[in-house]
Amino acid sequence: MIRAMIVDDDALVRLGLADLLAGDDTIEVVAQAVDGLHAVEQAIAHRVDVALVDVRMPRMDGITATARLRALPHPPRVITLTTFDLDEYVYNALAAGADGFLLKDCDPAEILRAVHLVAAGSAMLHPAAARRLIDRYHHTARPAGDRARARIGRLTPRERDVLGRLARGETNAEIAAALGMRESTVKAHVSRILTCLELSNRVQAALLARDADLTG
């Protein structure tokens, strides 16, 4: 069972998301929060797996809340869910440790899919957000590529194989099948990659791999 938390200052949005998630038998909404400070308190109290976090909220915004949530001893994975797709929100949310970025007007099925993917250790970005990240990559590829290749040089050849497939959007199960590994071994490799590269999540790892031209 995936333990979910909804963080939004709009009561109607919280109600709508709660109804949506309640329709999935594998997701339980264990907490709701009205702002970032409340979200951190609720995450500590309820051991949340996945938090859907709005950006614009009083007292503490969603970006700051994401960083605080990810710094907890038992950090939930975070999906930033907002009405606004401004570039700064995408970059700042991912830098703070978010594993997903979706707009509130996306198909409800995409929100459910994102919760499952993020809970399983994968990532999910709204297509517009992904497009912006790709455009940013193309504009900064050369200097960023040199730095990224230097960092990835710390990894073993097998870890680089895993990272390259991760960057292409493959799940742990797909990577395991392609490389002839157990899924648990892939998870161990991903954990080691994130630790070695000093990254918070798969999205950041994928961006670094793209900078290093590791996606093939």
C-alpha atoms as a PDB file:
ATOM      1  CA  MET A   1       0.000   0.000   0.000  1.00  0.00           C
ATOM      2  CA  ILE A   2       1.333   3.441  -0.988  1.00  0.00           C
ATOM      3  CA  ARG A   3       0.930   5.980   1.830  1.00  0.00           C
ATOM      4  CA  ALA A   4       0.204   9.354   0.223  1.00  0.00           C
ATOM      5  CA  MET A   5      -0.020  12.937   1.483  1.00  0.00           C
ATOM      6  CA  ILE A   6      -1.698  15.867  -0.272  1.00  0.00           C
ATOM      7  CA  VAL A   7      -0.238  19.334   0.337  1.00  0.00           C
ATOM      8  CA  ASP A   8      -2.265  22.283  -0.973  1.00  0.00           C
ATOM      9  CA  ASP A   9      -3.751  25.417   0.553  1.00  0.00           C
ATOM     10  CA  ASP A  10      -6.923  25.032  -1.549  1.00  0.00           C
ATOM     11  CA  ALA A  11      -9.449  22.804   0.252  1.00  0.00           C
ATOM     12  CA  LEU A  12     -11.258  21.940  -2.992  1.00  0.00           C
ATOM     13  CA  VAL A  13      -8.021  20.795  -4.614  1.00  0.00           C
ATOM     14  CA  ARG A  14      -7.231  18.621  -1.601  1.00  0.00           C
ATOM     15  CA  LEU A  15     -10.714  17.125  -1.737  1.00  0.00           C
ATOM     16  CA  GLY A  16     -10.465  16.404  -5.457  1.00  0.00           C
ATOM     17  CA  LEU A  17      -7.054  14.779  -5.175  1.00  0.00           C
ATOM     18  CA  ALA A  18      -8.149  12.752  -2.155  1.00  0.00           C
ATOM     19  CA  ASP A  19     -11.163  11.430  -4.101  1.00  0.00           C
ATOM     20  CA  LEU A  20      -8.927  10.580  -7.058  1.00  0.00           C
ATOM     21  CA  LEU A  21      -6.379   8.686  -4.974  1.00  0.00           C
ATOM     22  CA  ALA A  22      -9.103   6.935  -2.960  1.00  0.00           C
ATOM     23  CA  GLY A  23     -10.291   5.337  -6.197  1.00  0.00           C
ATOM     24  CA  ASP A  24      -7.046   3.330  -6.346  1.00  0.00           C
ATOM     25  CA  ASP A  25      -7.065   0.372  -3.951  1.00  0.00           C
ATOM     26  CA  THR A  26      -3.264   0.433  -3.680  1.00  0.00           C
ATOM     27  CA  ILE A  27      -3.057   4.059  -2.461  1.00  0.00           C
ATOM     28  CA  GLU A  28      -4.056   5.309   0.987  1.00  0.00           C
ATOM     29  CA  VAL A  29      -4.220   9.031   1.748  1.00  0.00           C
ATOM     30  CA  VAL A  30      -2.775   9.109   5.268  1.00  0.00           C
ATOM     31  CA  ALA A  31      -2.349  12.893   5.614  1.00  0.00           C
ATOM     32  CA  GLN A  32      -3.320  16.257   4.197  1.00  0.00           C
ATOM     33  CA  ALA A  33      -1.555  19.571   4.788  1.00  0.00           C
ATOM     34  CA  VAL A  34      -2.448  23.193   4.111  1.00  0.00           C
ATOM     35  CA  ASP A  35       1.107  24.504   3.648  1.00  0.00           C
ATOM     36  CA  GLY A  36       4.749  23.467   3.737  1.00  0.00           C
ATOM     37  CA  LEU A  37       5.224  23.691   7.487  1.00  0.00           C
ATOM     38  CA  HIS A  38       2.141  21.587   8.077  1.00  0.00           C
ATOM     39  CA  ALA A  39       3.399  19.082   5.479  1.00  0.00           C
ATOM     40  CA  VAL A  40       6.662  18.495   7.331  1.00  0.00           C
ATOM     41  CA  GLU A  41       4.758  17.921  10.584  1.00  0.00           C
ATOM     42  CA  GLN A  42       2.366  15.493   8.911  1.00  0.00           C
ATOM     43  CA  ALA A  43       5.148  13.588   7.149  1.00  0.00           C
ATOM     44  CA  ILE A  44       6.912  13.024  10.462  1.00  0.00           C
ATOM     45  CA  ALA A  45       3.690  11.892  12.138  1.00  0.00           C
ATOM     46  CA  HIS A  46       2.475   9.550   9.404  1.00  0.00           C
ATOM     47  CA  ARG A  47       5.552   8.088   7.629  1.00  0.00           C
ATOM     48  CA  VAL A  48       4.447   9.162   4.136  1.00  0.00           C
ATOM     49  CA  ASP A  49       5.698   7.362   0.992  1.00  0.00           C
ATOM     50  CA  VAL A  50       4.680   9.940  -1.648  1.00  0.00           C
ATOM     51  CA  ALA A  51       3.702  13.597  -1.180  1.00  0.00           C
ATOM     52  CA  LEU A  52       1.840  15.603  -3.824  1.00  0.00           C
ATOM     53  CA  VAL A  53       2.966  19.166  -3.131  1.00  0.00           C
ATOM     54  CA  ASP A  54       1.634  22.458  -4.493  1.00  0.00           C
ATOM     55  CA  VAL A  55       4.133  25.278  -5.152  1.00  0.00           C
ATOM     56  CA  ARG A  56       2.399  28.498  -4.106  1.00  0.00           C
ATOM     57  CA  MET A  57       1.335  28.236  -0.460  1.00  0.00           C
ATOM     58  CA  PRO A  58       1.410  30.518   2.608  1.00  0.00           C
ATOM     59  CA  ARG A  59       3.992  30.257   5.423  1.00  0.00           C
ATOM     60  CA  MET A  60       6.216  27.816   3.488  1.00  0.00           C
ATOM     61  CA  ASP A  61       6.087  27.305  -0.291  1.00  0.00           C
ATOM     62  CA  GLY A  62       6.247  23.934  -1.992  1.00  0.00           C
ATOM     63  CA  ILE A  63       9.863  24.225  -3.130  1.00  0.00           C
ATOM     64  CA  THR A  64      11.129  24.880   0.387  1.00  0.00           C
ATOM     65  CA  ALA A  65       8.798  22.184   1.713  1.00  0.00           C
ATOM     66  CA  THR A  66      10.202  19.675  -0.777  1.00  0.00           C
ATOM     67  CA  ALA A  67      13.744  20.284   0.435  1.00  0.00           C
ATOM     68  CA  ARG A  68      12.602  19.941   4.063  1.00  0.00           C
ATOM     69  CA  LEU A  69      10.679  16.743   3.342  1.00  0.00           C
ATOM     70  CA  ARG A  70      13.611  15.188   1.510  1.00  0.00           C
ATOM     71  CA  ALA A  71      15.888  15.975   4.459  1.00  0.00           C
ATOM     72  CA  LEU A  72      13.762  13.999   6.941  1.00  0.00           C
ATOM     73  CA  PRO A  73      15.122  10.734   8.401  1.00  0.00           C
ATOM     74  CA  HIS A  74      12.402   8.849   6.484  1.00  0.00           C
ATOM     75  CA  PRO A  75      11.877  11.152   3.491  1.00  0.00           C
ATOM     76  CA  PRO A  76       8.806  10.814   1.289  1.00  0.00           C
ATOM     77  CA  ARG A  77       9.214  11.036  -2.447  1.00  0.00           C
ATOM     78  CA  VAL A  78       7.732  14.250  -3.800  1.00  0.00           C
ATOM     79  CA  ILE A  79       5.627  15.064  -6.837  1.00  0.00           C
ATOM     80  CA  THR A  80       5.320  18.794  -7.466  1.00  0.00           C
ATOM     81  CA  LEU A  81       1.767  19.424  -8.634  1.00  0.00           C
ATOM     82  CA  THR A  82       1.016  22.982  -9.721  1.00  0.00           C
ATOM     83  CA  THR A  83      -1.107  25.177 -11.967  1.00  0.00           C
ATOM     84  CA  PHE A  84       2.004  26.981 -13.203  1.00  0.00           C
ATOM     85  CA  ASP A  85       4.671  25.530 -15.511  1.00  0.00           C
ATOM     86  CA  LEU A  86       7.201  28.355 -15.168  1.00  0.00           C
ATOM     87  CA  ASP A  87      10.773  27.281 -15.846  1.00  0.00           C
ATOM     88  CA  GLU A  88      11.983  28.362 -12.412  1.00  0.00           C
ATOM     89  CA  TYR A  89       9.474  26.056 -10.745  1.00  0.00           C
ATOM     90  CA  VAL A  90      10.643  23.049 -12.742  1.00  0.00           C
ATOM     91  CA  TYR A  91      14.334  23.595 -12.043  1.00  0.00           C
ATOM     92  CA  ASN A  92      13.873  24.574  -8.404  1.00  0.00           C
ATOM     93  CA  ALA A  93      11.551  21.668  -7.651  1.00  0.00           C
ATOM     94  CA  LEU A  94      13.976  19.142  -9.108  1.00  0.00           C
ATOM     95  CA  ALA A  95      16.923  20.780  -7.377  1.00  0.00           C
ATOM     96  CA  ALA A  96      15.025  20.544  -4.083  1.00  0.00           C
ATOM     97  CA  GLY A  97      14.627  16.800  -4.588  1.00  0.00           C
ATOM     98  CA  ALA A  98      11.273  16.303  -6.318  1.00  0.00           C
ATOM     99  CA  ASP A  99      10.887  13.066  -8.294  1.00  0.00           C
ATOM    100  CA  GLY A 100       8.013  14.326 -10.398  1.00  0.00           C
ATOM    101  CA  PHE A 101       6.580  17.546 -11.824  1.00  0.00           C
ATOM    102  CA  LEU A 102       2.991  17.656 -13.091  1.00  0.00           C
ATOM    103  CA  LEU A 103       0.428  20.322 -13.882  1.00  0.00           C
ATOM    104  CA  LYS A 104      -2.926  20.154 -12.130  1.00  0.00           C
ATOM    105  CA  ASP A 105      -4.781  20.145 -15.454  1.00  0.00           C
ATOM    106  CA  CYS A 106      -3.156  16.889 -16.597  1.00  0.00           C
ATOM    107  CA  ASP A 107      -5.244  13.743 -17.028  1.00  0.00           C
ATOM    108  CA  PRO A 108      -6.172  12.244 -13.617  1.00  0.00           C
ATOM    109  CA  ALA A 109      -4.792   8.907 -14.789  1.00  0.00           C
ATOM    110  CA  GLU A 110      -1.378  10.571 -15.182  1.00  0.00           C
ATOM    111  CA  ILE A 111      -1.434  11.645 -11.536  1.00  0.00           C
ATOM    112  CA  LEU A 112      -2.162   8.077 -10.434  1.00  0.00           C
ATOM    113  CA  ARG A 113       0.558   6.774 -12.742  1.00  0.00           C
ATOM    114  CA  ALA A 114       3.018   9.301 -11.317  1.00  0.00           C
ATOM    115  CA  VAL A 115       2.269   8.214  -7.739  1.00  0.00           C
ATOM    116  CA  HIS A 116       2.961   4.587  -8.641  1.00  0.00           C
ATOM    117  CA  LEU A 117       6.121   5.365 -10.621  1.00  0.00           C
ATOM    118  CA  VAL A 118       7.590   7.645  -7.977  1.00  0.00           C
ATOM    119  CA  ALA A 119       6.715   5.233  -5.161  1.00  0.00           C
ATOM    120  CA  ALA A 120       8.588   2.515  -7.081  1.00  0.00           C
ATOM    121  CA  GLY A 121      11.690   4.707  -7.375  1.00  0.00           C
ATOM    122  CA  SER A 122      11.160   6.055 -10.887  1.00  0.00           C
ATOM    123  CA  ALA A 123      10.364   9.616 -11.953  1.00  0.00           C
ATOM    124  CA  MET A 124       7.758  11.413 -14.023  1.00  0.00           C
ATOM    125  CA  LEU A 125       7.731  14.846 -15.635  1.00  0.00           C
ATOM    126  CA  HIS A 126       4.967  16.694 -17.423  1.00  0.00           C
ATOM    127  CA  PRO A 127       5.845  16.776 -21.157  1.00  0.00           C
ATOM    128  CA  ALA A 128       6.170  20.574 -21.128  1.00  0.00           C
ATOM    129  CA  ALA A 129       8.606  20.390 -18.226  1.00  0.00           C
ATOM    130  CA  ALA A 130      10.603  17.682 -19.955  1.00  0.00           C
ATOM    131  CA  ARG A 131      10.759  19.813 -23.117  1.00  0.00           C
ATOM    132  CA  ARG A 132      12.143  22.750 -21.162  1.00  0.00           C
ATOM    133  CA  LEU A 133      14.817  20.587 -19.577  1.00  0.00           C
ATOM    134  CA  ILE A 134      15.844  19.222 -22.968  1.00  0.00           C
ATOM    135  CA  ASP A 135      16.015  22.754 -24.399  1.00  0.00           C
ATOM    136  CA  ARG A 136      18.124  23.850 -21.460  1.00  0.00           C
ATOM    137  CA  TYR A 137      20.418  20.886 -22.040  1.00  0.00           C
ATOM    138  CA  HIS A 138      20.937  21.829 -25.689  1.00  0.00           C
ATOM    139  CA  HIS A 139      21.777  25.430 -24.766  1.00  0.00           C
ATOM    140  CA  THR A 140      24.355  24.464 -22.131  1.00  0.00           C
ATOM    141  CA  ALA A 141      25.524  21.096 -23.422  1.00  0.00           C
ATOM    142  CA  ARG A 142      29.219  21.760 -24.001  1.00  0.00           C
ATOM    143  CA  PRO A 143      30.383  23.226 -20.647  1.00  0.00           C
ATOM    144  CA  ALA A 144      27.896  21.126 -18.685  1.00  0.00           C
ATOM    145  CA  GLY A 145      29.000  18.027 -20.572  1.00  0.00           C
ATOM    146  CA  ASP A 146      32.622  18.344 -19.490  1.00  0.00           C
ATOM    147  CA  ARG A 147      31.635  18.669 -15.832  1.00  0.00           C
ATOM    148  CA  ALA A 148      29.130  15.832 -16.064  1.00  0.00           C
ATOM    149  CA  ARG A 149      31.598  13.432 -17.709  1.00  0.00           C
ATOM    150  CA  ALA A 150      34.130  14.165 -14.974  1.00  0.00           C
ATOM    151  CA  ARG A 151      31.591  13.311 -12.287  1.00  0.00           C
ATOM    152  CA  ILE A 152      30.375  10.152 -14.006  1.00  0.00           C
ATOM    153  CA  GLY A 153      33.997   9.020 -14.242  1.00  0.00           C
ATOM    154  CA  ARG A 154      33.663   8.018 -10.581  1.00  0.00           C
ATOM    155  CA  LEU A 155      31.266   5.207 -11.526  1.00  0.00           C
ATOM    156  CA  THR A 156      32.077   1.639 -12.529  1.00  0.00           C
ATOM    157  CA  PRO A 157      31.297   0.555 -16.119  1.00  0.00           C
ATOM    158  CA  ARG A 158      28.270  -1.400 -14.852  1.00  0.00           C
ATOM    159  CA  GLU A 159      26.984   1.599 -12.949  1.00  0.00           C
ATOM    160  CA  ARG A 160      27.336   3.706 -16.085  1.00  0.00           C
ATOM    161  CA  ASP A 161      25.266   1.128 -17.990  1.00  0.00           C
ATOM    162  CA  VAL A 162      22.540   1.380 -15.367  1.00  0.00           C
ATOM    163  CA  LEU A 163      22.691   5.177 -15.351  1.00  0.00           C
ATOM    164  CA  GLY A 164      22.401   5.371 -19.132  1.00  0.00           C
ATOM    165  CA  ARG A 165      19.265   3.245 -19.139  1.00  0.00           C
ATOM    166  CA  LEU A 166      17.827   5.140 -16.183  1.00  0.00           C
ATOM    167  CA  ALA A 167      18.304   8.360 -18.150  1.00  0.00           C
ATOM    168  CA  ARG A 168      16.314   6.888 -21.045  1.00  0.00           C
ATOM    169  CA  GLY A 169      13.361   6.485 -18.688  1.00  0.00           C
ATOM    170  CA  GLU A 170      13.580   2.748 -18.089  1.00  0.00           C
ATOM    171  CA  THR A 171      12.182   1.336 -14.850  1.00  0.00           C
ATOM    172  CA  ASN A 172      14.243  -0.853 -12.525  1.00  0.00           C
ATOM    173  CA  ALA A 173      12.481  -3.925 -13.916  1.00  0.00           C
ATOM    174  CA  GLU A 174      13.289  -2.934 -17.512  1.00  0.00           C
ATOM    175  CA  ILE A 175      16.931  -2.240 -16.645  1.00  0.00           C
ATOM    176  CA  ALA A 176      17.175  -5.594 -14.883  1.00  0.00           C
ATOM    177  CA  ALA A 177      15.786  -7.435 -17.904  1.00  0.00           C
ATOM    178  CA  ALA A 178      18.065  -5.618 -20.346  1.00  0.00           C
ATOM    179  CA  LEU A 179      21.243  -6.129 -18.323  1.00  0.00           C
ATOM    180  CA  GLY A 180      20.512  -9.614 -16.994  1.00  0.00           C
ATOM    181  CA  MET A 181      20.323  -8.557 -13.346  1.00  0.00           C
ATOM    182  CA  ARG A 182      17.957  -9.023 -10.468  1.00  0.00           C
ATOM    183  CA  GLU A 183      15.746  -6.009  -9.832  1.00  0.00           C
ATOM    184  CA  SER A 184      17.177  -5.793  -6.305  1.00  0.00           C
ATOM    185  CA  THR A 185      20.662  -5.510  -7.827  1.00  0.00           C
ATOM    186  CA  VAL A 186      19.520  -2.638 -10.029  1.00  0.00           C
ATOM    187  CA  LYS A 187      18.088  -0.866  -6.972  1.00  0.00           C
ATOM    188  CA  ALA A 188      21.419  -1.285  -5.209  1.00  0.00           C
ATOM    189  CA  HIS A 189      23.254   0.149  -8.235  1.00  0.00           C
ATOM    190  CA  VAL A 190      20.890   3.140  -8.394  1.00  0.00           C
ATOM    191  CA  SER A 191      21.392   3.810  -4.684  1.00  0.00           C
ATOM    192  CA  ARG A 192      25.171   3.643  -5.120  1.00  0.00           C
ATOM    193  CA  ILE A 193      25.010   5.950  -8.177  1.00  0.00           C
ATOM    194  CA  LEU A 194      23.025   8.589  -6.299  1.00  0.00           C
ATOM    195  CA  THR A 195      25.374   8.416  -3.322  1.00  0.00           C
ATOM    196  CA  CYS A 196      28.533   8.530  -5.427  1.00  0.00           C
ATOM    197  CA  LEU A 197      27.315  11.443  -7.551  1.00  0.00           C
ATOM    198  CA  GLU A 198      25.832  13.269  -4.534  1.00  0.00           C
ATOM    199  CA  LEU A 199      22.366  13.419  -6.086  1.00  0.00           C
ATOM    200  CA  SER A 200      18.937  13.259  -4.462  1.00  0.00           C
ATOM    201  CA  ASN A 201      16.908  11.304  -7.001  1.00  0.00           C
ATOM    202  CA  ARG A 202      16.637   9.657 -10.414  1.00  0.00           C
ATOM    203  CA  VAL A 203      15.596  12.856 -12.172  1.00  0.00           C
ATOM    204  CA  GLN A 204      18.822  14.600 -11.196  1.00  0.00           C
ATOM    205  CA  ALA A 205      20.793  11.498 -12.211  1.00  0.00           C
ATOM    206  CA  ALA A 206      19.057  11.400 -15.594  1.00  0.00           C
ATOM    207  CA  LEU A 207      19.838  15.075 -16.236  1.00  0.00           C
ATOM    208  CA  LEU A 208      23.488  14.533 -15.382  1.00  0.00           C
ATOM    209  CA  ALA A 209      23.630  11.515 -17.693  1.00  0.00           C
ATOM    210  CA  ARG A 210      22.146  13.564 -20.533  1.00  0.00           C
ATOM    211  CA  ASP A 211      24.727  16.293 -19.949  1.00  0.00           C
ATOM    212  CA  ALA A 212      27.417  13.618 -20.226  1.00  0.00           C
ATOM    213  CA  ASP A 213      25.820  12.270 -23.426  1.00  0.00           C
ATOM    214  CA  LEU A 214      25.389   8.877 -21.756  1.00  0.00           C
ATOM    215  CA  THR A 215      21.907   8.152 -23.143  1.00  0.00           C
ATOM    216  CA  GLY A 216      23.128   6.948 -26.518  1.00  0.00           C
END
